Every structure is written in structure tokens, then in C-alpha cells.
Amino acid sequence: MVVVVDANILIQCIINIKGNTAALILKNSSYIDFIVPEFILKEIKGKESKIYSSSNLRKPGFNQNLQLLFDHLIVFKDDEVSEIIFKKAYKMVKDIDIDDVIYIAFAIALESLLWTDDFKLLKAMRRKGFNSIVMTKEFKEIIKGLK
């Protein structure tokens, strides 16, 4: 199984590396390919100070948690998705949140699930007929079915 992971999921995991969301990645990466675009590092680093202010985490813990997660993720270069697919993804998200185009593009290109906790994105994409998107609660159920 291939799953594209949205930045909001990784940020939750970085903040609470011992939590249930992080455990989904850390305990299941041996049989699920968790994919992230290269861009996600820049996105997460750009939110580093916000992460510090909303949690008890500081730089050493942030870096340690980030590294632990990335040991369980597969990073794809952003340009590994064709321009045609990026255009298709752009058309789908331009009226929702343009920052999500890369995640939708990867999910389309890899014919995979997109795991996000962005309810607005999930609802809007499903209204558009894109059903390969799940939130954590649904993803937990999918994993239970795999075991």
C-alpha cells in the first residue's frame, strides 16, 4: 500500500512522537510506503517557530523527531510528477488551498491514498469525486483491515 502523507500529519507527529498518529507511521512502515514530496521539508521548517510556540518542543527534540519520522518515509523529488498531473491537481485544488496541489498531484501520480487531517480539503476533494483521501480515523480502520 502507498500513502502520501500531508504536512499537517507530520507536524502532529513531530509535536507528539509518542502519540497514536506517529505510531501509525512508525509501526507500519514495513508494509506501507509512506510517501512525502521533497517540498515537505521546506514547509515544515517554515513552520518550525509556530511548532515551538504551540508545543513544549524545542530545536533538539524537533530535529530528533523529524529524523525519526524521515527514517520511516520515502521522499520523492517534487519534479517526479509530470506537468500534466500537476495541472490536473491544480485545477482540483485552486479553489480550496493551492498549497495542497503537490499532495494531490503525488496521490494521483502514485494512484495512492492521501492521508490528511485537513477536513476542508477532504470534503472539497470528495465533492469533486476524488475519494483517495482519508483522515486519521479512517486511515486507522484501513490499517486494521490490513492486519
Protein backbone atom coordinates (compact mmCIF):
# COMPACT_ATOMS: atom_id res chain seq x y z
CA MET A 1 0.00 0.00 0.00
CA VAL A 2 1.18 3.50 -0.85
CA VAL A 3 0.12 6.53 1.19
CA VAL A 4 1.02 10.17 0.55
CA VAL A 5 1.36 11.98 3.87
CA ASP A 6 0.26 15.61 4.20
CA ALA A 7 2.37 18.07 6.18
CA ASN A 8 -0.32 18.50 8.83
CA ILE A 9 0.05 14.82 9.73
CA LEU A 10 3.84 15.08 10.00
CA ILE A 11 3.59 18.20 12.13
CA GLN A 12 1.27 16.35 14.54
CA CYS A 13 3.81 13.52 14.66
CA ILE A 14 6.75 15.83 15.28
CA ILE A 15 4.93 17.52 18.15
CA ASN A 16 3.86 14.21 19.70
CA ILE A 17 6.26 11.50 18.51
CA LYS A 18 4.85 9.06 21.09
CA GLY A 19 1.25 9.68 20.06
CA ASN A 20 -1.13 7.49 18.09
CA THR A 21 -0.67 9.36 14.80
CA ALA A 22 3.11 8.96 14.85
CA ALA A 23 2.68 5.29 15.79
CA LEU A 24 0.74 4.73 12.57
CA ILE A 25 3.87 5.64 10.61
CA LEU A 26 6.49 4.20 12.93
CA LYS A 27 4.79 0.82 13.39
CA ASN A 28 3.52 0.28 9.84
CA SER A 29 6.28 1.50 7.53
CA SER A 30 7.49 -2.06 6.97
CA TYR A 31 4.43 -2.83 4.84
CA ILE A 32 3.09 0.63 3.92
CA ASP A 33 5.10 3.00 1.75
CA PHE A 34 4.63 6.41 3.33
CA ILE A 35 5.49 8.95 0.64
CA VAL A 36 6.24 12.64 1.06
CA PRO A 37 7.27 15.21 -1.51
CA GLU A 38 10.68 16.80 -1.07
CA PHE A 39 8.89 20.13 -0.61
CA ILE A 40 7.53 18.99 2.75
CA LEU A 41 10.88 19.64 4.47
CA LYS A 42 10.75 23.29 3.47
CA GLU A 43 7.10 23.51 4.50
CA ILE A 44 7.77 22.00 7.94
CA LYS A 45 10.94 24.04 8.52
CA GLY A 46 8.92 27.15 7.63
CA LYS A 47 6.53 26.33 10.47
CA GLU A 48 9.24 25.44 12.99
CA SER A 49 8.79 28.53 15.18
CA LYS A 50 5.00 28.06 15.15
CA ILE A 51 5.52 24.45 16.24
CA TYR A 52 7.74 25.64 19.12
CA SER A 53 5.17 28.20 20.26
CA SER A 54 2.28 25.71 20.18
CA SER A 55 4.13 22.89 21.96
CA ASN A 56 6.81 22.15 24.52
CA LEU A 57 9.15 21.05 21.74
CA ARG A 58 12.48 22.79 21.14
CA LYS A 59 15.06 22.52 18.37
CA PRO A 60 16.90 19.35 19.52
CA GLY A 61 13.63 17.47 20.02
CA PHE A 62 12.20 18.85 16.79
CA ASN A 63 15.22 17.67 14.80
CA GLN A 64 15.30 14.28 16.53
CA ASN A 65 11.57 13.68 15.92
CA LEU A 66 11.85 14.86 12.33
CA GLN A 67 14.76 12.49 11.69
CA LEU A 68 12.96 9.55 13.31
CA LEU A 69 9.93 10.13 11.09
CA PHE A 70 12.01 10.55 7.95
CA ASP A 71 13.65 7.21 8.67
CA HIS A 72 10.19 5.74 8.00
CA LEU A 73 9.23 7.86 4.99
CA ILE A 74 10.11 7.75 1.32
CA VAL A 75 10.93 11.16 -0.10
CA PHE A 76 10.20 11.79 -3.76
CA LYS A 77 11.60 14.72 -5.65
CA ASP A 78 8.89 17.21 -6.47
CA ASP A 79 9.66 17.03 -10.19
CA GLU A 80 8.98 13.28 -10.30
CA VAL A 81 5.34 14.13 -11.00
CA SER A 82 4.55 15.08 -14.58
CA GLU A 83 3.42 18.56 -15.50
CA ILE A 84 0.15 17.11 -16.82
CA ILE A 85 -0.67 15.64 -13.41
CA PHE A 86 0.34 18.87 -11.64
CA LYS A 87 -2.05 20.78 -13.90
CA LYS A 88 -4.83 18.32 -13.15
CA ALA A 89 -4.17 18.61 -9.40
CA TYR A 90 -4.01 22.40 -9.64
CA LYS A 91 -7.44 22.53 -11.28
CA MET A 92 -8.80 20.41 -8.46
CA VAL A 93 -7.38 22.46 -5.55
CA LYS A 94 -7.12 26.01 -6.89
CA ASP A 95 -10.37 26.99 -5.18
CA ILE A 96 -9.58 25.06 -1.98
CA ASP A 97 -5.94 25.56 -0.95
CA ILE A 98 -3.19 25.93 -3.54
CA ASP A 99 -0.62 24.71 -1.00
CA ASP A 100 -2.14 21.23 -1.28
CA VAL A 101 -1.56 20.84 -5.02
CA ILE A 102 1.66 18.87 -4.55
CA TYR A 103 0.00 16.34 -2.23
CA ILE A 104 -2.94 15.81 -4.59
CA ALA A 105 -0.53 15.53 -7.54
CA PHE A 106 1.51 12.84 -5.79
CA ALA A 107 -1.63 10.91 -4.81
CA ILE A 108 -2.84 10.99 -8.42
CA ALA A 109 0.56 10.08 -9.88
CA LEU A 110 1.10 7.20 -7.47
CA GLU A 111 -2.55 6.09 -7.51
CA SER A 112 -2.40 6.17 -3.74
CA LEU A 113 -4.24 7.46 -0.71
CA LEU A 114 -3.63 10.95 0.59
CA TRP A 115 -3.61 10.99 4.39
CA THR A 116 -4.53 14.39 5.80
CA ASP A 117 -6.33 15.88 8.74
CA ASP A 118 -7.46 18.87 6.70
CA PHE A 119 -11.23 18.43 6.84
CA LYS A 120 -11.88 21.30 4.43
CA LEU A 121 -9.62 19.69 1.82
CA LEU A 122 -11.15 16.25 2.38
CA LYS A 123 -14.73 17.47 1.97
CA ALA A 124 -13.98 19.59 -1.08
CA MET A 125 -11.99 16.87 -2.83
CA ARG A 126 -14.67 14.26 -2.21
CA ARG A 127 -17.28 16.64 -3.61
CA LYS A 128 -15.13 16.78 -6.74
CA GLY A 129 -15.07 12.99 -6.96
CA PHE A 130 -11.55 12.49 -5.57
CA ASN A 131 -12.08 9.78 -2.98
CA SER A 132 -8.47 8.67 -2.45
CA ILE A 133 -8.20 10.91 0.58
CA VAL A 134 -8.59 9.92 4.22
CA MET A 135 -8.31 11.41 7.66
CA THR A 136 -6.55 9.68 10.54
CA LYS A 137 -9.66 7.98 11.90
CA GLU A 138 -10.38 6.38 8.51
CA PHE A 139 -6.74 5.51 8.00
CA LYS A 140 -6.65 3.63 11.32
CA GLU A 141 -9.56 1.49 10.11
CA ILE A 142 -7.82 0.77 6.82
CA ILE A 143 -4.70 -0.38 8.69
CA LYS A 144 -6.78 -2.64 10.93
CA GLY A 145 -8.12 -4.27 7.78
CA LEU A 146 -4.60 -4.94 6.51
CA LYS A 147 -3.52 -6.84 9.60
